[in-house]
Amino acid sequence: MTTRRQFIGTAAATAGLLTAPALLRAAEGPQTTTQYQVPERFMPKTVRVKQSFTAGEIHIVTGRHYLYYMLGEGQAIRYGVAVGAEGMNFRGSAVVGRKAEWPSWRPTQAMIEREPEKYGPLADGMEGGPNNPLGARALYLYRGGRDTAYRIHGTPQPWTIGRSVSSGCIRMVNDHVIDLYQRVPVGARVTVYS
């Protein structure tokens, strides 16, 4: 099994792959928007990785805030991500058990108990849309055939990319998660390193 150190040590940036715009409109509140420029280091780009990685796999290095989608032949697309706050990250292996476009969202019971003022009023959930916490797309992580309640998903808060702020899910810029969503089939293997 590859360690985090081996994985990071093999990644070297090469030419950019995607032309997703750096300026994004993002909701800050119920009715306000702002322009936000994603730092260049978190924009998608093609990087070199170990030849042994299998095309179609996803590897996430939470300490570096990067998600790697393996292309094969020693290359991957690297995306910047936001990850869970300390102690809330998913770790280990999973598979993409299902996918959804503009998914609905409901806070977990643990989230409601941890922050009842924030999440209690949302206990019945939210329909999908631009202000939904899961953003434009979601990849649902399963382990042993069961939903882990962790997701790789978009976010209406792109300024969180590169930070450890979520309740454990992996957040991506909406344009970036749309690109990833189109590439990843249900059943794809996901490995998360701390």
N, C-alpha and C. Protein backbone atom coordinates (compact mmCIF):
# COMPACT_ATOMS: atom_id res chain seq x y z
N MET A 1 0.84 -1.19 0.00
CA MET A 1 0.00 0.00 0.00
C MET A 1 0.88 1.24 0.00
N THR A 2 0.48 2.23 -0.77
CA THR A 2 1.23 3.46 -0.88
C THR A 2 0.95 4.33 0.33
N THR A 3 2.00 4.92 0.90
CA THR A 3 1.82 5.83 2.02
C THR A 3 1.61 7.24 1.50
N ARG A 4 1.14 8.11 2.36
CA ARG A 4 0.95 9.52 2.01
C ARG A 4 2.26 10.12 1.54
N ARG A 5 3.36 9.84 2.23
CA ARG A 5 4.67 10.40 1.88
C ARG A 5 5.09 9.95 0.48
N GLN A 6 4.90 8.68 0.16
CA GLN A 6 5.24 8.19 -1.17
C GLN A 6 4.37 8.85 -2.23
N PHE A 7 3.09 9.00 -1.91
CA PHE A 7 2.16 9.60 -2.86
C PHE A 7 2.54 11.04 -3.16
N ILE A 8 2.76 11.84 -2.11
CA ILE A 8 3.11 13.24 -2.28
C ILE A 8 4.45 13.38 -2.99
N GLY A 9 5.38 12.51 -2.65
CA GLY A 9 6.71 12.60 -3.23
C GLY A 9 6.74 12.37 -4.72
N THR A 10 5.73 11.74 -5.27
CA THR A 10 5.74 11.43 -6.70
C THR A 10 4.99 12.46 -7.54
N ALA A 11 4.26 13.37 -6.92
CA ALA A 11 3.47 14.34 -7.68
C ALA A 11 4.32 15.54 -8.06
N ALA A 12 4.39 15.84 -9.34
CA ALA A 12 5.11 17.01 -9.83
C ALA A 12 4.24 17.70 -10.87
N ALA A 13 4.07 19.00 -10.72
CA ALA A 13 3.17 19.72 -11.62
C ALA A 13 3.69 19.76 -13.05
N THR A 14 2.76 19.62 -13.99
CA THR A 14 3.08 19.78 -15.41
C THR A 14 2.11 20.80 -15.99
N ALA A 15 1.87 20.77 -17.26
CA ALA A 15 1.01 21.76 -17.91
C ALA A 15 -0.42 21.67 -17.39
N GLY A 16 -1.13 22.81 -17.37
CA GLY A 16 -2.53 22.83 -16.95
C GLY A 16 -3.41 22.04 -17.90
N LEU A 17 -4.49 21.46 -17.37
CA LEU A 17 -5.36 20.63 -18.20
C LEU A 17 -6.69 21.30 -18.49
N LEU A 18 -7.29 21.87 -17.48
CA LEU A 18 -8.63 22.42 -17.65
C LEU A 18 -8.58 23.92 -17.80
N THR A 19 -9.58 24.46 -18.40
CA THR A 19 -9.65 25.90 -18.59
C THR A 19 -10.81 26.49 -17.80
N ALA A 20 -11.13 25.88 -16.67
CA ALA A 20 -12.22 26.38 -15.84
C ALA A 20 -11.90 27.80 -15.40
N PRO A 21 -12.88 28.70 -15.41
CA PRO A 21 -12.60 30.09 -15.06
C PRO A 21 -12.22 30.22 -13.59
N ALA A 22 -11.29 31.14 -13.32
CA ALA A 22 -10.83 31.36 -11.95
C ALA A 22 -11.80 32.24 -11.17
N LEU A 23 -12.61 33.03 -11.87
CA LEU A 23 -13.57 33.87 -11.18
C LEU A 23 -14.91 33.15 -11.09
N LEU A 24 -15.39 33.01 -9.89
CA LEU A 24 -16.64 32.28 -9.66
C LEU A 24 -17.59 33.16 -8.87
N ARG A 25 -18.86 32.99 -9.16
CA ARG A 25 -19.86 33.66 -8.35
C ARG A 25 -20.25 32.68 -7.25
N ALA A 26 -20.24 33.15 -6.02
CA ALA A 26 -20.51 32.25 -4.90
C ALA A 26 -21.41 32.93 -3.89
N ALA A 27 -22.36 32.20 -3.39
CA ALA A 27 -23.29 32.75 -2.40
C ALA A 27 -22.61 32.90 -1.06
N GLU A 28 -22.72 34.08 -0.47
CA GLU A 28 -22.22 34.31 0.89
C GLU A 28 -23.35 34.22 1.89
N GLY A 29 -24.51 34.49 1.45
CA GLY A 29 -25.66 34.49 2.32
C GLY A 29 -26.89 34.23 1.50
N PRO A 30 -28.05 34.40 2.08
CA PRO A 30 -29.28 34.06 1.38
C PRO A 30 -29.46 34.79 0.05
N GLN A 31 -29.04 36.08 -0.04
CA GLN A 31 -29.31 36.82 -1.26
C GLN A 31 -28.11 37.63 -1.74
N THR A 32 -26.92 37.37 -1.25
CA THR A 32 -25.77 38.16 -1.68
C THR A 32 -24.76 37.28 -2.39
N THR A 33 -24.06 37.86 -3.37
CA THR A 33 -23.02 37.15 -4.08
C THR A 33 -21.77 38.02 -4.13
N THR A 34 -20.66 37.37 -4.42
CA THR A 34 -19.39 38.08 -4.52
C THR A 34 -18.52 37.39 -5.55
N GLN A 35 -17.55 38.09 -6.06
CA GLN A 35 -16.55 37.49 -6.95
C GLN A 35 -15.44 36.93 -6.08
N TYR A 36 -14.97 35.76 -6.42
CA TYR A 36 -13.86 35.15 -5.67
C TYR A 36 -12.92 34.50 -6.66
N GLN A 37 -11.64 34.78 -6.55
CA GLN A 37 -10.65 34.16 -7.43
C GLN A 37 -9.97 33.02 -6.68
N VAL A 38 -10.12 31.82 -7.19
CA VAL A 38 -9.51 30.64 -6.60
C VAL A 38 -8.00 30.75 -6.79
N PRO A 39 -7.20 30.57 -5.73
CA PRO A 39 -5.75 30.63 -5.91
C PRO A 39 -5.27 29.63 -6.97
N GLU A 40 -4.32 30.03 -7.76
CA GLU A 40 -3.82 29.22 -8.87
C GLU A 40 -3.44 27.81 -8.43
N ARG A 41 -2.84 27.66 -7.25
CA ARG A 41 -2.39 26.33 -6.80
C ARG A 41 -3.54 25.35 -6.60
N PHE A 42 -4.78 25.86 -6.49
CA PHE A 42 -5.94 24.99 -6.32
C PHE A 42 -6.75 24.80 -7.59
N MET A 43 -6.26 25.36 -8.68
CA MET A 43 -6.92 25.13 -9.97
C MET A 43 -6.52 23.75 -10.48
N PRO A 44 -7.39 23.08 -11.23
CA PRO A 44 -7.06 21.75 -11.75
C PRO A 44 -5.83 21.81 -12.66
N LYS A 45 -4.98 20.81 -12.52
CA LYS A 45 -3.83 20.69 -13.42
C LYS A 45 -3.38 19.25 -13.50
N THR A 46 -2.73 18.92 -14.58
CA THR A 46 -2.18 17.58 -14.75
C THR A 46 -0.87 17.50 -14.00
N VAL A 47 -0.70 16.43 -13.22
CA VAL A 47 0.54 16.21 -12.46
C VAL A 47 1.02 14.78 -12.69
N ARG A 48 2.31 14.58 -12.43
CA ARG A 48 2.89 13.25 -12.51
C ARG A 48 2.70 12.53 -11.18
N VAL A 49 2.38 11.24 -11.26
CA VAL A 49 2.25 10.39 -10.07
C VAL A 49 2.93 9.06 -10.38
N LYS A 50 3.00 8.18 -9.40
CA LYS A 50 3.59 6.87 -9.61
C LYS A 50 2.85 6.11 -10.71
N GLN A 51 3.59 5.39 -11.50
CA GLN A 51 3.01 4.58 -12.58
C GLN A 51 2.04 3.53 -12.04
N SER A 52 2.22 3.13 -10.79
CA SER A 52 1.43 2.03 -10.24
C SER A 52 -0.03 2.39 -9.93
N PHE A 53 -0.37 3.67 -9.95
CA PHE A 53 -1.75 4.04 -9.68
C PHE A 53 -2.64 3.67 -10.85
N THR A 54 -3.82 3.16 -10.54
CA THR A 54 -4.76 2.69 -11.55
C THR A 54 -5.63 3.83 -12.07
N ALA A 55 -5.77 3.92 -13.38
CA ALA A 55 -6.64 4.93 -13.98
C ALA A 55 -8.05 4.79 -13.42
N GLY A 56 -8.69 5.92 -13.15
CA GLY A 56 -10.06 5.93 -12.65
C GLY A 56 -10.18 6.00 -11.15
N GLU A 57 -9.08 5.78 -10.41
CA GLU A 57 -9.12 5.89 -8.95
C GLU A 57 -9.03 7.35 -8.53
N ILE A 58 -9.53 7.61 -7.31
CA ILE A 58 -9.41 8.93 -6.69
C ILE A 58 -8.56 8.76 -5.43
N HIS A 59 -7.59 9.64 -5.26
CA HIS A 59 -6.77 9.68 -4.05
C HIS A 59 -6.83 11.10 -3.51
N ILE A 60 -7.09 11.22 -2.21
CA ILE A 60 -7.23 12.52 -1.56
C ILE A 60 -6.21 12.61 -0.44
N VAL A 61 -5.42 13.69 -0.45
CA VAL A 61 -4.44 13.94 0.61
C VAL A 61 -4.96 15.14 1.40
N THR A 62 -5.60 14.84 2.53
CA THR A 62 -6.28 15.90 3.29
C THR A 62 -5.31 16.94 3.84
N GLY A 63 -4.11 16.52 4.25
CA GLY A 63 -3.14 17.45 4.80
C GLY A 63 -2.64 18.47 3.79
N ARG A 64 -2.76 18.16 2.51
CA ARG A 64 -2.33 19.07 1.43
C ARG A 64 -3.51 19.75 0.73
N HIS A 65 -4.72 19.28 1.00
CA HIS A 65 -5.94 19.82 0.38
C HIS A 65 -5.97 19.60 -1.13
N TYR A 66 -5.62 18.35 -1.52
CA TYR A 66 -5.67 18.00 -2.93
C TYR A 66 -6.38 16.67 -3.14
N LEU A 67 -7.14 16.61 -4.24
CA LEU A 67 -7.76 15.39 -4.72
C LEU A 67 -7.11 15.08 -6.06
N TYR A 68 -6.73 13.82 -6.26
CA TYR A 68 -6.10 13.37 -7.50
C TYR A 68 -7.00 12.37 -8.19
N TYR A 69 -7.34 12.65 -9.44
CA TYR A 69 -8.07 11.69 -10.26
C TYR A 69 -7.05 11.07 -11.20
N MET A 70 -6.85 9.76 -11.07
CA MET A 70 -5.81 9.06 -11.82
C MET A 70 -6.21 8.86 -13.27
N LEU A 71 -5.33 9.31 -14.16
CA LEU A 71 -5.54 9.16 -15.60
C LEU A 71 -4.85 7.93 -16.16
N GLY A 72 -3.89 7.39 -15.41
CA GLY A 72 -3.09 6.27 -15.89
C GLY A 72 -1.79 6.78 -16.50
N GLU A 73 -0.88 5.85 -16.77
CA GLU A 73 0.41 6.16 -17.36
C GLU A 73 1.17 7.25 -16.58
N GLY A 74 1.05 7.21 -15.25
CA GLY A 74 1.80 8.14 -14.40
C GLY A 74 1.29 9.56 -14.38
N GLN A 75 0.01 9.76 -14.72
CA GLN A 75 -0.55 11.10 -14.70
C GLN A 75 -1.88 11.12 -13.94
N ALA A 76 -2.16 12.30 -13.38
CA ALA A 76 -3.43 12.51 -12.68
C ALA A 76 -3.85 13.95 -12.86
N ILE A 77 -5.14 14.21 -12.66
CA ILE A 77 -5.62 15.59 -12.55
C ILE A 77 -5.67 15.89 -11.07
N ARG A 78 -5.04 16.98 -10.67
CA ARG A 78 -5.03 17.40 -9.26
C ARG A 78 -5.98 18.59 -9.10
N TYR A 79 -6.92 18.45 -8.15
CA TYR A 79 -7.88 19.51 -7.84
C TYR A 79 -7.65 19.97 -6.41
N GLY A 80 -7.81 21.26 -6.14
CA GLY A 80 -7.81 21.75 -4.77
C GLY A 80 -9.14 21.44 -4.11
N VAL A 81 -9.10 21.12 -2.82
CA VAL A 81 -10.31 20.79 -2.08
C VAL A 81 -10.28 21.40 -0.68
N ALA A 82 -11.43 21.49 -0.08
CA ALA A 82 -11.56 21.76 1.35
C ALA A 82 -11.85 20.43 2.00
N VAL A 83 -11.39 20.25 3.21
CA VAL A 83 -11.58 18.98 3.92
C VAL A 83 -12.17 19.23 5.29
N GLY A 84 -12.40 18.16 6.02
CA GLY A 84 -13.00 18.24 7.34
C GLY A 84 -12.11 18.94 8.35
N ALA A 85 -12.74 19.61 9.29
CA ALA A 85 -12.02 20.20 10.40
C ALA A 85 -11.33 19.09 11.19
N GLU A 86 -10.36 19.44 11.98
CA GLU A 86 -9.58 18.47 12.74
C GLU A 86 -10.47 17.44 13.43
N GLY A 87 -10.17 16.18 13.20
CA GLY A 87 -10.91 15.09 13.82
C GLY A 87 -12.20 14.70 13.12
N MET A 88 -12.52 15.36 12.01
CA MET A 88 -13.78 15.07 11.32
C MET A 88 -13.57 14.46 9.94
N ASN A 89 -12.35 14.19 9.56
CA ASN A 89 -12.07 13.67 8.22
C ASN A 89 -12.37 12.19 8.09
N PHE A 90 -12.86 11.83 6.93
CA PHE A 90 -12.95 10.43 6.54
C PHE A 90 -11.53 9.96 6.23
N ARG A 91 -11.20 8.72 6.58
CA ARG A 91 -9.89 8.15 6.28
C ARG A 91 -10.07 6.74 5.75
N GLY A 92 -9.15 6.34 4.88
CA GLY A 92 -9.17 4.97 4.39
C GLY A 92 -9.78 4.87 3.01
N SER A 93 -10.33 3.69 2.72
CA SER A 93 -10.83 3.39 1.39
C SER A 93 -12.35 3.34 1.36
N ALA A 94 -12.87 3.66 0.18
CA ALA A 94 -14.32 3.60 -0.06
C ALA A 94 -14.49 3.45 -1.57
N VAL A 95 -15.74 3.37 -1.98
CA VAL A 95 -16.07 3.40 -3.40
C VAL A 95 -17.17 4.43 -3.61
N VAL A 96 -17.26 4.94 -4.82
CA VAL A 96 -18.36 5.84 -5.16
C VAL A 96 -19.59 4.95 -5.32
N GLY A 97 -20.51 5.06 -4.35
CA GLY A 97 -21.70 4.22 -4.34
C GLY A 97 -22.85 4.76 -5.16
N ARG A 98 -22.88 6.07 -5.31
CA ARG A 98 -23.88 6.71 -6.16
C ARG A 98 -23.43 8.13 -6.45
N LYS A 99 -24.08 8.74 -7.44
CA LYS A 99 -23.77 10.10 -7.86
C LYS A 99 -25.08 10.87 -8.00
N ALA A 100 -25.01 12.19 -7.80
CA ALA A 100 -26.22 13.00 -7.96
C ALA A 100 -25.87 14.39 -8.49
N GLU A 101 -26.72 14.89 -9.39
CA GLU A 101 -26.60 16.25 -9.89
C GLU A 101 -27.51 17.14 -9.06
N TRP A 102 -27.01 18.30 -8.66
CA TRP A 102 -27.74 19.23 -7.80
C TRP A 102 -28.48 18.48 -6.69
N PRO A 103 -27.72 17.76 -5.86
CA PRO A 103 -28.34 16.90 -4.84
C PRO A 103 -29.03 17.68 -3.72
N SER A 104 -30.03 17.04 -3.14
CA SER A 104 -30.62 17.59 -1.93
C SER A 104 -29.66 17.29 -0.78
N TRP A 105 -29.87 17.94 0.34
CA TRP A 105 -28.95 17.79 1.48
C TRP A 105 -29.73 17.84 2.78
N ARG A 106 -29.27 17.05 3.72
CA ARG A 106 -29.83 17.05 5.07
C ARG A 106 -28.66 16.93 6.04
N PRO A 107 -28.60 17.77 7.09
CA PRO A 107 -27.51 17.63 8.05
C PRO A 107 -27.63 16.31 8.81
N THR A 108 -26.50 15.75 9.18
CA THR A 108 -26.53 14.52 9.97
C THR A 108 -26.98 14.83 11.39
N GLN A 109 -27.38 13.82 12.11
CA GLN A 109 -27.78 14.00 13.51
C GLN A 109 -26.62 14.55 14.33
N ALA A 110 -25.39 14.09 14.03
CA ALA A 110 -24.21 14.58 14.75
C ALA A 110 -24.01 16.08 14.50
N MET A 111 -24.24 16.53 13.29
CA MET A 111 -24.11 17.97 12.99
C MET A 111 -25.15 18.77 13.76
N ILE A 112 -26.38 18.26 13.81
CA ILE A 112 -27.44 18.96 14.54
C ILE A 112 -27.11 19.03 16.03
N GLU A 113 -26.61 17.94 16.58
CA GLU A 113 -26.25 17.93 18.01
C GLU A 113 -25.07 18.85 18.30
N ARG A 114 -24.12 18.92 17.39
CA ARG A 114 -22.93 19.74 17.58
C ARG A 114 -23.25 21.23 17.46
N GLU A 115 -24.12 21.60 16.52
CA GLU A 115 -24.47 23.00 16.28
C GLU A 115 -25.97 23.13 16.05
N PRO A 116 -26.77 22.97 17.14
CA PRO A 116 -28.23 22.96 16.97
C PRO A 116 -28.81 24.26 16.41
N GLU A 117 -28.22 25.40 16.74
CA GLU A 117 -28.74 26.67 16.24
C GLU A 117 -28.57 26.77 14.72
N LYS A 118 -27.46 26.26 14.22
CA LYS A 118 -27.15 26.34 12.79
C LYS A 118 -27.89 25.29 11.99
N TYR A 119 -27.87 24.04 12.47
CA TYR A 119 -28.39 22.93 11.69
C TYR A 119 -29.79 22.47 12.07
N GLY A 120 -30.24 22.78 13.27
CA GLY A 120 -31.58 22.37 13.70
C GLY A 120 -32.68 22.80 12.75
N PRO A 121 -32.68 24.08 12.32
CA PRO A 121 -33.72 24.53 11.40
C PRO A 121 -33.67 23.84 10.03
N LEU A 122 -32.56 23.18 9.72
CA LEU A 122 -32.41 22.50 8.43
C LEU A 122 -32.59 20.99 8.53
N ALA A 123 -33.10 20.53 9.67
CA ALA A 123 -33.22 19.09 9.92
C ALA A 123 -34.04 18.36 8.87
N ASP A 124 -34.98 19.05 8.24
CA ASP A 124 -35.79 18.42 7.18
C ASP A 124 -35.09 18.46 5.83
N GLY A 125 -33.94 19.12 5.75
CA GLY A 125 -33.15 19.13 4.53
C GLY A 125 -33.42 20.32 3.62
N MET A 126 -32.63 20.35 2.54
CA MET A 126 -32.74 21.40 1.53
C MET A 126 -32.77 20.76 0.15
N GLU A 127 -33.56 21.32 -0.73
CA GLU A 127 -33.57 20.87 -2.12
C GLU A 127 -32.25 21.30 -2.77
N GLY A 128 -31.89 20.63 -3.84
CA GLY A 128 -30.69 20.99 -4.58
C GLY A 128 -30.82 22.37 -5.18
N GLY A 129 -29.67 23.01 -5.41
CA GLY A 129 -29.66 24.34 -6.00
C GLY A 129 -28.37 25.06 -5.66
N PRO A 130 -28.19 26.27 -6.16
CA PRO A 130 -26.91 26.97 -6.01
C PRO A 130 -26.53 27.30 -4.57
N ASN A 131 -27.47 27.37 -3.65
CA ASN A 131 -27.13 27.65 -2.25
C ASN A 131 -27.07 26.41 -1.38
N ASN A 132 -27.32 25.24 -1.95
CA ASN A 132 -27.27 23.98 -1.22
C ASN A 132 -25.82 23.66 -0.86
N PRO A 133 -25.53 23.23 0.36
CA PRO A 133 -24.15 22.93 0.77
C PRO A 133 -23.44 21.88 -0.08
N LEU A 134 -24.19 21.00 -0.78
CA LEU A 134 -23.53 19.99 -1.61
C LEU A 134 -23.21 20.50 -3.01
N GLY A 135 -23.62 21.71 -3.32
CA GLY A 135 -23.26 22.31 -4.60
C GLY A 135 -23.86 21.60 -5.80
N ALA A 136 -23.11 21.65 -6.92
CA ALA A 136 -23.61 21.20 -8.21
C ALA A 136 -23.66 19.69 -8.39
N ARG A 137 -22.76 18.97 -7.74
CA ARG A 137 -22.68 17.52 -7.90
C ARG A 137 -22.20 16.89 -6.60
N ALA A 138 -22.53 15.61 -6.41
CA ALA A 138 -22.05 14.87 -5.25
C ALA A 138 -21.72 13.44 -5.64
N LEU A 139 -20.61 12.96 -5.11
CA LEU A 139 -20.21 11.55 -5.21
C LEU A 139 -20.31 11.00 -3.80
N TYR A 140 -21.15 9.99 -3.60
CA TYR A 140 -21.44 9.44 -2.28
C TYR A 140 -20.48 8.29 -1.99
N LEU A 141 -19.77 8.37 -0.87
CA LEU A 141 -18.78 7.36 -0.54
C LEU A 141 -19.41 6.24 0.28
N TYR A 142 -19.19 5.01 -0.20
CA TYR A 142 -19.72 3.80 0.44
C TYR A 142 -18.57 2.92 0.88
N ARG A 143 -18.79 2.21 1.96
CA ARG A 143 -17.83 1.22 2.46
C ARG A 143 -18.62 -0.01 2.86
N GLY A 144 -18.23 -1.17 2.37
CA GLY A 144 -18.94 -2.40 2.70
C GLY A 144 -20.39 -2.38 2.26
N GLY A 145 -20.68 -1.67 1.16
CA GLY A 145 -22.05 -1.59 0.65
C GLY A 145 -22.94 -0.60 1.36
N ARG A 146 -22.40 0.14 2.33
CA ARG A 146 -23.21 1.09 3.12
C ARG A 146 -22.71 2.52 2.94
N ASP A 147 -23.64 3.44 2.91
CA ASP A 147 -23.32 4.87 2.80
C ASP A 147 -22.58 5.31 4.05
N THR A 148 -21.42 5.95 3.86
CA THR A 148 -20.62 6.43 5.00
C THR A 148 -21.09 7.78 5.52
N ALA A 149 -21.97 8.47 4.79
CA ALA A 149 -22.42 9.84 5.06
C ALA A 149 -21.35 10.86 4.69
N TYR A 150 -20.24 10.41 4.08
CA TYR A 150 -19.22 11.32 3.56
C TYR A 150 -19.40 11.44 2.05
N ARG A 151 -19.09 12.64 1.54
CA ARG A 151 -19.29 12.94 0.14
C ARG A 151 -18.08 13.69 -0.43
N ILE A 152 -17.90 13.57 -1.72
CA ILE A 152 -17.08 14.51 -2.49
C ILE A 152 -18.12 15.35 -3.20
N HIS A 153 -18.12 16.64 -2.95
CA HIS A 153 -19.21 17.46 -3.49
C HIS A 153 -18.76 18.88 -3.79
N GLY A 154 -19.61 19.59 -4.51
CA GLY A 154 -19.37 20.99 -4.80
C GLY A 154 -19.66 21.84 -3.58
N THR A 155 -19.46 23.15 -3.73
CA THR A 155 -19.76 24.05 -2.63
C THR A 155 -20.13 25.43 -3.15
N PRO A 156 -21.08 26.10 -2.49
CA PRO A 156 -21.36 27.49 -2.82
C PRO A 156 -20.37 28.44 -2.14
N GLN A 157 -19.36 27.88 -1.47
CA GLN A 157 -18.35 28.67 -0.75
C GLN A 157 -16.94 28.33 -1.25
N PRO A 158 -16.58 28.75 -2.47
CA PRO A 158 -15.28 28.38 -3.02
C PRO A 158 -14.10 28.92 -2.23
N TRP A 159 -14.30 29.95 -1.42
CA TRP A 159 -13.21 30.50 -0.61
C TRP A 159 -12.76 29.53 0.48
N THR A 160 -13.50 28.44 0.69
CA THR A 160 -13.07 27.44 1.68
C THR A 160 -12.06 26.45 1.11
N ILE A 161 -11.87 26.44 -0.21
CA ILE A 161 -10.92 25.51 -0.83
C ILE A 161 -9.52 25.79 -0.28
N GLY A 162 -8.83 24.71 0.09
CA GLY A 162 -7.51 24.84 0.70
C GLY A 162 -7.55 24.95 2.21
N ARG A 163 -8.72 24.78 2.79
CA ARG A 163 -8.86 24.90 4.25
C ARG A 163 -9.48 23.63 4.83
N SER A 164 -9.36 23.48 6.13
CA SER A 164 -9.96 22.35 6.87
C SER A 164 -11.13 22.91 7.66
N VAL A 165 -12.32 22.88 7.05
CA VAL A 165 -13.46 23.58 7.63
C VAL A 165 -14.76 22.79 7.64
N SER A 166 -14.85 21.73 6.88
CA SER A 166 -16.14 21.07 6.72
C SER A 166 -16.42 20.09 7.87
N SER A 167 -17.58 19.48 7.82
CA SER A 167 -17.94 18.45 8.80
C SER A 167 -17.40 17.08 8.40
N GLY A 168 -16.47 17.06 7.47
CA GLY A 168 -15.81 15.82 7.10
C GLY A 168 -15.81 15.52 5.62
N CYS A 169 -16.73 16.10 4.89
CA CYS A 169 -16.79 15.85 3.45
C CYS A 169 -15.66 16.57 2.72
N ILE A 170 -15.47 16.19 1.47
CA ILE A 170 -14.48 16.79 0.60
C ILE A 170 -15.22 17.77 -0.31
N ARG A 171 -14.91 19.06 -0.18
CA ARG A 171 -15.57 20.10 -0.97
C ARG A 171 -14.70 20.49 -2.16
N MET A 172 -15.37 20.76 -3.28
CA MET A 172 -14.68 21.22 -4.48
C MET A 172 -15.42 22.43 -5.06
N VAL A 173 -14.70 23.24 -5.84
CA VAL A 173 -15.33 24.30 -6.60
C VAL A 173 -16.37 23.64 -7.52
N ASN A 174 -17.52 24.24 -7.67
CA ASN A 174 -18.59 23.63 -8.47
C ASN A 174 -18.14 23.25 -9.88
N ASP A 175 -17.44 24.15 -10.60
CA ASP A 175 -16.97 23.81 -11.94
C ASP A 175 -16.06 22.59 -11.92
N HIS A 176 -15.26 22.46 -10.86
CA HIS A 176 -14.31 21.35 -10.77
C HIS A 176 -15.02 20.04 -10.46
N VAL A 177 -16.02 20.08 -9.57
CA VAL A 177 -16.73 18.84 -9.24
C VAL A 177 -17.57 18.38 -10.43
N ILE A 178 -18.05 19.32 -11.23
CA ILE A 178 -18.79 18.94 -12.45
C ILE A 178 -17.86 18.18 -13.39
N ASP A 179 -16.63 18.66 -13.55
CA ASP A 179 -15.65 17.97 -14.39
C ASP A 179 -15.35 16.57 -13.83
N LEU A 180 -15.08 16.49 -12.53
CA LEU A 180 -14.79 15.19 -11.91
C LEU A 180 -15.97 14.23 -12.05
N TYR A 181 -17.16 14.72 -11.80
CA TYR A 181 -18.39 13.92 -11.87
C TYR A 181 -18.53 13.24 -13.23
N GLN A 182 -18.19 13.97 -14.29
CA GLN A 182 -18.30 13.42 -15.64
C GLN A 182 -17.27 12.31 -15.89
N ARG A 183 -16.18 12.32 -15.17
CA ARG A 183 -15.10 11.35 -15.36
C ARG A 183 -15.26 10.08 -14.52
N VAL A 184 -15.91 10.20 -13.37
CA VAL A 184 -15.91 9.12 -12.37
C VAL A 184 -17.18 8.27 -12.46
N PRO A 185 -17.03 6.97 -12.65
CA PRO A 185 -18.21 6.10 -12.65
C PRO A 185 -18.55 5.63 -11.24
N VAL A 186 -19.79 5.22 -11.05
CA VAL A 186 -20.16 4.54 -9.81
C VAL A 186 -19.28 3.29 -9.70
N GLY A 187 -18.77 3.04 -8.51
CA GLY A 187 -17.88 1.91 -8.29
C GLY A 187 -16.41 2.29 -8.25
N ALA A 188 -16.09 3.54 -8.62
CA ALA A 188 -14.70 3.98 -8.59
C ALA A 188 -14.15 3.92 -7.17
N ARG A 189 -12.91 3.51 -7.04
CA ARG A 189 -12.25 3.40 -5.74
C ARG A 189 -11.73 4.76 -5.29
N VAL A 190 -11.92 5.06 -4.01
CA VAL A 190 -11.47 6.31 -3.40
C VAL A 190 -10.62 5.97 -2.19
N THR A 191 -9.44 6.60 -2.10
CA THR A 191 -8.59 6.42 -0.93
C THR A 191 -8.29 7.79 -0.34
N VAL A 192 -8.50 7.94 0.96
CA VAL A 192 -8.27 9.22 1.64
C VAL A 192 -7.12 9.04 2.63
N TYR A 193 -6.09 9.88 2.46
CA TYR A 193 -4.91 9.87 3.33
C TYR A 193 -5.00 11.06 4.27
N SER A 194 -4.53 10.90 5.50
CA SER A 194 -4.55 12.04 6.43
C SER A 194 -3.33 12.89 6.24
